[in-house]
Amino acid sequence: MKVNKGTGVYELGARAGHEDAPARDTADPRLDRATQARIGDQLRAMYSELLDQPVPDRFVELLAKMDDESRERSR
């Protein structure tokens, strides 16, 4: 995985500098456990700061409104 300097977006695959990677058999697209673990670690690293952020008040209010409407429909 590599960050595109122009957009700041993480890129995977050929665009991330893996042009010379050997072709894979596409008949079995499952990822091995090591690859899954690496992806999980990278996602946790990318989103851990976001998870520590408080939920904005407008989202809390919207969720409360949706809960109220859902309760009204179920009566």
PDB file of N, CA and C in Angstrom:
ATOM      1  N   MET A   1       0.849  -1.160   0.000  1.00  0.00           N
ATOM      2  CA  MET A   1       0.000   0.000   0.000  1.00  0.00           C
ATOM      3  C   MET A   1       0.896   1.225   0.000  1.00  0.00           C
ATOM      4  N   LYS A   2       0.474   2.234  -0.759  1.00  0.00           N
ATOM      5  CA  LYS A   2       1.274   3.440  -0.913  1.00  0.00           C
ATOM      6  C   LYS A   2       0.336   4.637  -1.005  1.00  0.00           C
ATOM      7  N   VAL A   3       0.757   5.770  -0.504  1.00  0.00           N
ATOM      8  CA  VAL A   3      -0.056   6.983  -0.573  1.00  0.00           C
ATOM      9  C   VAL A   3       0.261   7.728  -1.862  1.00  0.00           C
ATOM     10  N   ASN A   4      -0.777   8.060  -2.610  1.00  0.00           N
ATOM     11  CA  ASN A   4      -0.631   8.887  -3.799  1.00  0.00           C
ATOM     12  C   ASN A   4      -0.359  10.305  -3.325  1.00  0.00           C
ATOM     13  N   LYS A   5       0.798  10.859  -3.677  1.00  0.00           N
ATOM     14  CA  LYS A   5       1.188  12.185  -3.184  1.00  0.00           C
ATOM     15  C   LYS A   5       0.276  13.281  -3.710  1.00  0.00           C
ATOM     16  N   GLY A   6      -0.315  13.081  -4.876  1.00  0.00           N
ATOM     17  CA  GLY A   6      -1.198  14.099  -5.441  1.00  0.00           C
ATOM     18  C   GLY A   6      -2.551  14.161  -4.759  1.00  0.00           C
ATOM     19  N   THR A   7      -3.101  12.986  -4.413  1.00  0.00           N
ATOM     20  CA  THR A   7      -4.445  12.951  -3.840  1.00  0.00           C
ATOM     21  C   THR A   7      -4.457  12.656  -2.356  1.00  0.00           C
ATOM     22  N   GLY A   8      -3.380  12.094  -1.818  1.00  0.00           N
ATOM     23  CA  GLY A   8      -3.346  11.707  -0.419  1.00  0.00           C
ATOM     24  C   GLY A   8      -4.098  10.420  -0.145  1.00  0.00           C
ATOM     25  N   VAL A   9      -4.495   9.709  -1.212  1.00  0.00           N
ATOM     26  CA  VAL A   9      -5.279   8.484  -1.081  1.00  0.00           C
ATOM     27  C   VAL A   9      -4.359   7.273  -1.112  1.00  0.00           C
ATOM     28  N   TYR A  10      -4.669   6.290  -0.246  1.00  0.00           N
ATOM     29  CA  TYR A  10      -3.911   5.047  -0.263  1.00  0.00           C
ATOM     30  C   TYR A  10      -4.268   4.266  -1.514  1.00  0.00           C
ATOM     31  N   GLU A  11      -3.264   3.680  -2.160  1.00  0.00           N
ATOM     32  CA  GLU A  11      -3.491   2.911  -3.371  1.00  0.00           C
ATOM     33  C   GLU A  11      -2.980   1.498  -3.183  1.00  0.00           C
ATOM     34  N   LEU A  12      -3.684   0.558  -3.774  1.00  0.00           N
ATOM     35  CA  LEU A  12      -3.295  -0.845  -3.723  1.00  0.00           C
ATOM     36  C   LEU A  12      -2.987  -1.334  -5.126  1.00  0.00           C
ATOM     37  N   GLY A  13      -2.329  -2.460  -5.230  1.00  0.00           N
ATOM     38  CA  GLY A  13      -2.116  -3.125  -6.506  1.00  0.00           C
ATOM     39  C   GLY A  13      -1.099  -2.445  -7.388  1.00  0.00           C
ATOM     40  N   ALA A  14      -1.332  -2.538  -8.708  1.00  0.00           N
ATOM     41  CA  ALA A  14      -0.356  -2.048  -9.681  1.00  0.00           C
ATOM     42  C   ALA A  14      -0.062  -0.569  -9.499  1.00  0.00           C
ATOM     43  N   ARG A  15      -1.061   0.209  -9.154  1.00  0.00           N
ATOM     44  CA  ARG A  15      -0.840   1.645  -8.983  1.00  0.00           C
ATOM     45  C   ARG A  15       0.024   1.935  -7.771  1.00  0.00           C
ATOM     46  N   ALA A  16       0.154   0.985  -6.867  1.00  0.00           N
ATOM     47  CA  ALA A  16       0.954   1.204  -5.661  1.00  0.00           C
ATOM     48  C   ALA A  16       2.379   0.714  -5.848  1.00  0.00           C
ATOM     49  N   GLY A  17       2.770   0.419  -7.077  1.00  0.00           N
ATOM     50  CA  GLY A  17       4.144   0.012  -7.325  1.00  0.00           C
ATOM     51  C   GLY A  17       4.353  -1.485  -7.358  1.00  0.00           C
ATOM     52  N   HIS A  18       3.296  -2.241  -7.565  1.00  0.00           N
ATOM     53  CA  HIS A  18       3.402  -3.699  -7.615  1.00  0.00           C
ATOM     54  C   HIS A  18       3.253  -4.206  -9.050  1.00  0.00           C
ATOM     55  N   GLU A  19       3.730  -3.435 -10.010  1.00  0.00           N
ATOM     56  CA  GLU A  19       3.569  -3.796 -11.414  1.00  0.00           C
ATOM     57  C   GLU A  19       4.209  -5.139 -11.750  1.00  0.00           C
ATOM     58  N   ASP A  20       5.293  -5.478 -11.059  1.00  0.00           N
ATOM     59  CA  ASP A  20       6.026  -6.694 -11.371  1.00  0.00           C
ATOM     60  C   ASP A  20       5.548  -7.907 -10.579  1.00  0.00           C
ATOM     61  N   ALA A  21       4.468  -7.762  -9.834  1.00  0.00           N
ATOM     62  CA  ALA A  21       3.965  -8.881  -9.038  1.00  0.00           C
ATOM     63  C   ALA A  21       3.484  -9.985  -9.972  1.00  0.00           C
ATOM     64  N   PRO A  22       3.749 -11.248  -9.625  1.00  0.00           N
ATOM     65  CA  PRO A  22       3.308 -12.349 -10.481  1.00  0.00           C
ATOM     66  C   PRO A  22       1.791 -12.437 -10.515  1.00  0.00           C
ATOM     67  N   ALA A  23       1.262 -12.887 -11.647  1.00  0.00           N
ATOM     68  CA  ALA A  23      -0.180 -13.047 -11.791  1.00  0.00           C
ATOM     69  C   ALA A  23      -0.666 -14.131 -10.840  1.00  0.00           C
ATOM     70  N   ARG A  24      -1.821 -13.894 -10.244  1.00  0.00           N
ATOM     71  CA  ARG A  24      -2.395 -14.867  -9.316  1.00  0.00           C
ATOM     72  C   ARG A  24      -3.495 -15.645 -10.004  1.00  0.00           C
ATOM     73  N   ASP A  25      -3.722 -16.849  -9.540  1.00  0.00           N
ATOM     74  CA  ASP A  25      -4.834 -17.657 -10.018  1.00  0.00           C
ATOM     75  C   ASP A  25      -6.109 -17.046  -9.456  1.00  0.00           C
ATOM     76  N   THR A  26      -6.998 -16.571 -10.319  1.00  0.00           N
ATOM     77  CA  THR A  26      -8.213 -15.908  -9.860  1.00  0.00           C
ATOM     78  C   THR A  26      -9.328 -16.887  -9.534  1.00  0.00           C
ATOM     79  N   ALA A  27      -9.106 -18.185  -9.700  1.00  0.00           N
ATOM     80  CA  ALA A  27     -10.136 -19.170  -9.399  1.00  0.00           C
ATOM     81  C   ALA A  27     -10.433 -19.213  -7.904  1.00  0.00           C
ATOM     82  N   ASP A  28      -9.474 -18.919  -7.056  1.00  0.00           N
ATOM     83  CA  ASP A  28      -9.664 -18.949  -5.608  1.00  0.00           C
ATOM     84  C   ASP A  28      -9.228 -17.600  -5.033  1.00  0.00           C
ATOM     85  N   PRO A  29     -10.178 -16.640  -4.943  1.00  0.00           N
ATOM     86  CA  PRO A  29      -9.803 -15.282  -4.537  1.00  0.00           C
ATOM     87  C   PRO A  29      -9.622 -15.077  -3.035  1.00  0.00           C
ATOM     88  N   ARG A  30      -9.704 -16.143  -2.228  1.00  0.00           N
ATOM     89  CA  ARG A  30      -9.557 -15.990  -0.777  1.00  0.00           C
ATOM     90  C   ARG A  30      -8.154 -15.533  -0.409  1.00  0.00           C
ATOM     91  N   LEU A  31      -8.088 -14.783   0.686  1.00  0.00           N
ATOM     92  CA  LEU A  31      -6.803 -14.308   1.190  1.00  0.00           C
ATOM     93  C   LEU A  31      -6.329 -15.221   2.309  1.00  0.00           C
ATOM     94  N   ASP A  32      -5.029 -15.460   2.353  1.00  0.00           N
ATOM     95  CA  ASP A  32      -4.502 -16.282   3.442  1.00  0.00           C
ATOM     96  C   ASP A  32      -4.538 -15.482   4.743  1.00  0.00           C
ATOM     97  N   ARG A  33      -4.385 -16.177   5.864  1.00  0.00           N
ATOM     98  CA  ARG A  33      -4.499 -15.536   7.183  1.00  0.00           C
ATOM     99  C   ARG A  33      -3.474 -14.420   7.386  1.00  0.00           C
ATOM    100  N   ALA A  34      -2.270 -14.605   6.889  1.00  0.00           N
ATOM    101  CA  ALA A  34      -1.239 -13.574   7.051  1.00  0.00           C
ATOM    102  C   ALA A  34      -1.645 -12.290   6.327  1.00  0.00           C
ATOM    103  N   THR A  35      -2.195 -12.429   5.124  1.00  0.00           N
ATOM    104  CA  THR A  35      -2.636 -11.264   4.365  1.00  0.00           C
ATOM    105  C   THR A  35      -3.814 -10.594   5.056  1.00  0.00           C
ATOM    106  N   GLN A  36      -4.764 -11.395   5.534  1.00  0.00           N
ATOM    107  CA  GLN A  36      -5.901 -10.843   6.267  1.00  0.00           C
ATOM    108  C   GLN A  36      -5.429 -10.083   7.502  1.00  0.00           C
ATOM    109  N   ALA A  37      -4.458 -10.637   8.214  1.00  0.00           N
ATOM    110  CA  ALA A  37      -3.930  -9.986   9.418  1.00  0.00           C
ATOM    111  C   ALA A  37      -3.254  -8.666   9.065  1.00  0.00           C
ATOM    112  N   ARG A  38      -2.476  -8.655   7.977  1.00  0.00           N
ATOM    113  CA  ARG A  38      -1.812  -7.417   7.546  1.00  0.00           C
ATOM    114  C   ARG A  38      -2.833  -6.341   7.187  1.00  0.00           C
ATOM    115  N   ILE A  39      -3.859  -6.736   6.454  1.00  0.00           N
ATOM    116  CA  ILE A  39      -4.906  -5.781   6.072  1.00  0.00           C
ATOM    117  C   ILE A  39      -5.607  -5.258   7.321  1.00  0.00           C
ATOM    118  N   GLY A  40      -5.923  -6.155   8.246  1.00  0.00           N
ATOM    119  CA  GLY A  40      -6.563  -5.739   9.492  1.00  0.00           C
ATOM    120  C   GLY A  40      -5.705  -4.772  10.280  1.00  0.00           C
ATOM    121  N   ASP A  41      -4.414  -5.062  10.375  1.00  0.00           N
ATOM    122  CA  ASP A  41      -3.494  -4.170  11.099  1.00  0.00           C
ATOM    123  C   ASP A  41      -3.445  -2.791  10.446  1.00  0.00           C
ATOM    124  N   GLN A  42      -3.389  -2.777   9.111  1.00  0.00           N
ATOM    125  CA  GLN A  42      -3.314  -1.499   8.399  1.00  0.00           C
ATOM    126  C   GLN A  42      -4.605  -0.699   8.553  1.00  0.00           C
ATOM    127  N   LEU A  43      -5.749  -1.387   8.496  1.00  0.00           N
ATOM    128  CA  LEU A  43      -7.023  -0.689   8.684  1.00  0.00           C
ATOM    129  C   LEU A  43      -7.141  -0.128  10.095  1.00  0.00           C
ATOM    130  N   ARG A  44      -6.734  -0.924  11.087  1.00  0.00           N
ATOM    131  CA  ARG A  44      -6.765  -0.435  12.470  1.00  0.00           C
ATOM    132  C   ARG A  44      -5.868   0.784  12.629  1.00  0.00           C
ATOM    133  N   ALA A  45      -4.693   0.752  12.026  1.00  0.00           N
ATOM    134  CA  ALA A  45      -3.771   1.885  12.121  1.00  0.00           C
ATOM    135  C   ALA A  45      -4.367   3.130  11.461  1.00  0.00           C
ATOM    136  N   MET A  46      -5.036   2.941  10.329  1.00  0.00           N
ATOM    137  CA  MET A  46      -5.612   4.073   9.608  1.00  0.00           C
ATOM    138  C   MET A  46      -6.807   4.681  10.339  1.00  0.00           C
ATOM    139  N   TYR A  47      -7.631   3.826  10.965  1.00  0.00           N
ATOM    140  CA  TYR A  47      -8.886   4.300  11.531  1.00  0.00           C
ATOM    141  C   TYR A  47      -8.880   4.448  13.046  1.00  0.00           C
ATOM    142  N   SER A  48      -7.797   4.089  13.733  1.00  0.00           N
ATOM    143  CA  SER A  48      -7.795   4.145  15.195  1.00  0.00           C
ATOM    144  C   SER A  48      -8.024   5.566  15.703  1.00  0.00           C
ATOM    145  N   GLU A  49      -7.411   6.541  15.067  1.00  0.00           N
ATOM    146  CA  GLU A  49      -7.606   7.930  15.488  1.00  0.00           C
ATOM    147  C   GLU A  49      -9.056   8.357  15.288  1.00  0.00           C
ATOM    148  N   LEU A  50      -9.658   7.917  14.205  1.00  0.00           N
ATOM    149  CA  LEU A  50     -11.046   8.259  13.921  1.00  0.00           C
ATOM    150  C   LEU A  50     -11.975   7.675  14.981  1.00  0.00           C
ATOM    151  N   LEU A  51     -11.703   6.454  15.416  1.00  0.00           N
ATOM    152  CA  LEU A  51     -12.546   5.808  16.414  1.00  0.00           C
ATOM    153  C   LEU A  51     -12.485   6.509  17.764  1.00  0.00           C
ATOM    154  N   ASP A  52     -11.406   7.217  18.034  1.00  0.00           N
ATOM    155  CA  ASP A  52     -11.258   7.935  19.297  1.00  0.00           C
ATOM    156  C   ASP A  52     -11.972   9.288  19.284  1.00  0.00           C
ATOM    157  N   GLN A  53     -12.429   9.727  18.115  1.00  0.00           N
ATOM    158  CA  GLN A  53     -13.108  11.018  17.997  1.00  0.00           C
ATOM    159  C   GLN A  53     -14.527  10.910  18.563  1.00  0.00           C
ATOM    160  N   PRO A  54     -15.023  11.966  19.192  1.00  0.00           N
ATOM    161  CA  PRO A  54     -16.415  11.942  19.666  1.00  0.00           C
ATOM    162  C   PRO A  54     -17.375  12.009  18.479  1.00  0.00           C
ATOM    163  N   VAL A  55     -18.566  11.452  18.669  1.00  0.00           N
ATOM    164  CA  VAL A  55     -19.595  11.513  17.635  1.00  0.00           C
ATOM    165  C   VAL A  55     -20.160  12.936  17.638  1.00  0.00           C
ATOM    166  N   PRO A  56     -20.225  13.584  16.479  1.00  0.00           N
ATOM    167  CA  PRO A  56     -20.762  14.949  16.428  1.00  0.00           C
ATOM    168  C   PRO A  56     -22.204  15.005  16.951  1.00  0.00           C
ATOM    169  N   ASP A  57     -22.544  16.098  17.629  1.00  0.00           N
ATOM    170  CA  ASP A  57     -23.881  16.258  18.214  1.00  0.00           C
ATOM    171  C   ASP A  57     -24.981  16.082  17.181  1.00  0.00           C
ATOM    172  N   ARG A  58     -24.778  16.588  15.972  1.00  0.00           N
ATOM    173  CA  ARG A  58     -25.840  16.474  14.956  1.00  0.00           C
ATOM    174  C   ARG A  58     -26.099  15.016  14.590  1.00  0.00           C
ATOM    175  N   PHE A  59     -25.067  14.159  14.649  1.00  0.00           N
ATOM    176  CA  PHE A  59     -25.277  12.740  14.378  1.00  0.00           C
ATOM    177  C   PHE A  59     -26.010  12.074  15.533  1.00  0.00           C
ATOM    178  N   VAL A  60     -25.664  12.450  16.763  1.00  0.00           N
ATOM    179  CA  VAL A  60     -26.352  11.903  17.938  1.00  0.00           C
ATOM    180  C   VAL A  60     -27.831  12.268  17.869  1.00  0.00           C
ATOM    181  N   GLU A  61     -28.119  13.521  17.524  1.00  0.00           N
ATOM    182  CA  GLU A  61     -29.508  13.971  17.408  1.00  0.00           C
ATOM    183  C   GLU A  61     -30.236  13.223  16.296  1.00  0.00           C
ATOM    184  N   LEU A  62     -29.585  13.030  15.170  1.00  0.00           N
ATOM    185  CA  LEU A  62     -30.192  12.311  14.051  1.00  0.00           C
ATOM    186  C   LEU A  62     -30.488  10.864  14.431  1.00  0.00           C
ATOM    187  N   LEU A  63     -29.546  10.207  15.102  1.00  0.00           N
ATOM    188  CA  LEU A  63     -29.764   8.824  15.535  1.00  0.00           C
ATOM    189  C   LEU A  63     -30.910   8.735  16.533  1.00  0.00           C
ATOM    190  N   ALA A  64     -31.004   9.689  17.454  1.00  0.00           N
ATOM    191  CA  ALA A  64     -32.103   9.703  18.426  1.00  0.00           C
ATOM    192  C   ALA A  64     -33.436   9.877  17.708  1.00  0.00           C
ATOM    193  N   LYS A  65     -33.477  10.765  16.723  1.00  0.00           N
ATOM    194  CA  LYS A  65     -34.702  10.987  15.948  1.00  0.00           C
ATOM    195  C   LYS A  65     -35.106   9.715  15.206  1.00  0.00           C
ATOM    196  N   MET A  66     -34.136   9.039  14.617  1.00  0.00           N
ATOM    197  CA  MET A  66     -34.427   7.796  13.896  1.00  0.00           C
ATOM    198  C   MET A  66     -34.933   6.726  14.851  1.00  0.00           C
ATOM    199  N   ASP A  67     -34.346   6.644  16.046  1.00  0.00           N
ATOM    200  CA  ASP A  67     -34.818   5.683  17.050  1.00  0.00           C
ATOM    201  C   ASP A  67     -36.254   5.985  17.446  1.00  0.00           C
ATOM    202  N   ASP A  68     -36.567   7.265  17.670  1.00  0.00           N
ATOM    203  CA  ASP A  68     -37.927   7.660  18.048  1.00  0.00           C
ATOM    204  C   ASP A  68     -38.920   7.283  16.955  1.00  0.00           C
ATOM    205  N   GLU A  69     -38.576   7.563  15.705  1.00  0.00           N
ATOM    206  CA  GLU A  69     -39.459   7.236  14.584  1.00  0.00           C
ATOM    207  C   GLU A  69     -39.644   5.730  14.457  1.00  0.00           C
ATOM    208  N   SER A  70     -38.592   4.984  14.694  1.00  0.00           N
ATOM    209  CA  SER A  70     -38.675   3.526  14.616  1.00  0.00           C
ATOM    210  C   SER A  70     -39.601   2.983  15.702  1.00  0.00           C
ATOM    211  N   ARG A  71     -39.494   3.544  16.906  1.00  0.00           N
ATOM    212  CA  ARG A  71     -40.367   3.111  18.009  1.00  0.00           C
ATOM    213  C   ARG A  71     -41.825   3.441  17.705  1.00  0.00           C
ATOM    214  N   GLU A  72     -42.069   4.598  17.105  1.00  0.00           N
ATOM    215  CA  GLU A  72     -43.435   5.000  16.760  1.00  0.00           C
ATOM    216  C   GLU A  72     -44.044   4.035  15.738  1.00  0.00           C
ATOM    217  N   ARG A  73     -43.260   3.615  14.762  1.00  0.00           N
ATOM    218  CA  ARG A  73     -43.762   2.689  13.734  1.00  0.00           C
ATOM    219  C   ARG A  73     -44.045   1.310  14.300  1.00  0.00           C
ATOM    220  N   SER A  74     -43.307   0.913  15.322  1.00  0.00           N
ATOM    221  CA  SER A  74     -43.465  -0.444  15.859  1.00  0.00           C
ATOM    222  C   SER A  74     -44.634  -0.555  16.837  1.00  0.00           C
ATOM    223  N   ARG A  75     -45.275   0.562  17.152  1.00  0.00           N
ATOM    224  CA  ARG A  75     -46.433   0.523  18.077  1.00  0.00           C
ATOM    225  C   ARG A  75     -47.666   0.085  17.377  1.00  0.00           C
TER     226      ARG A  75
END
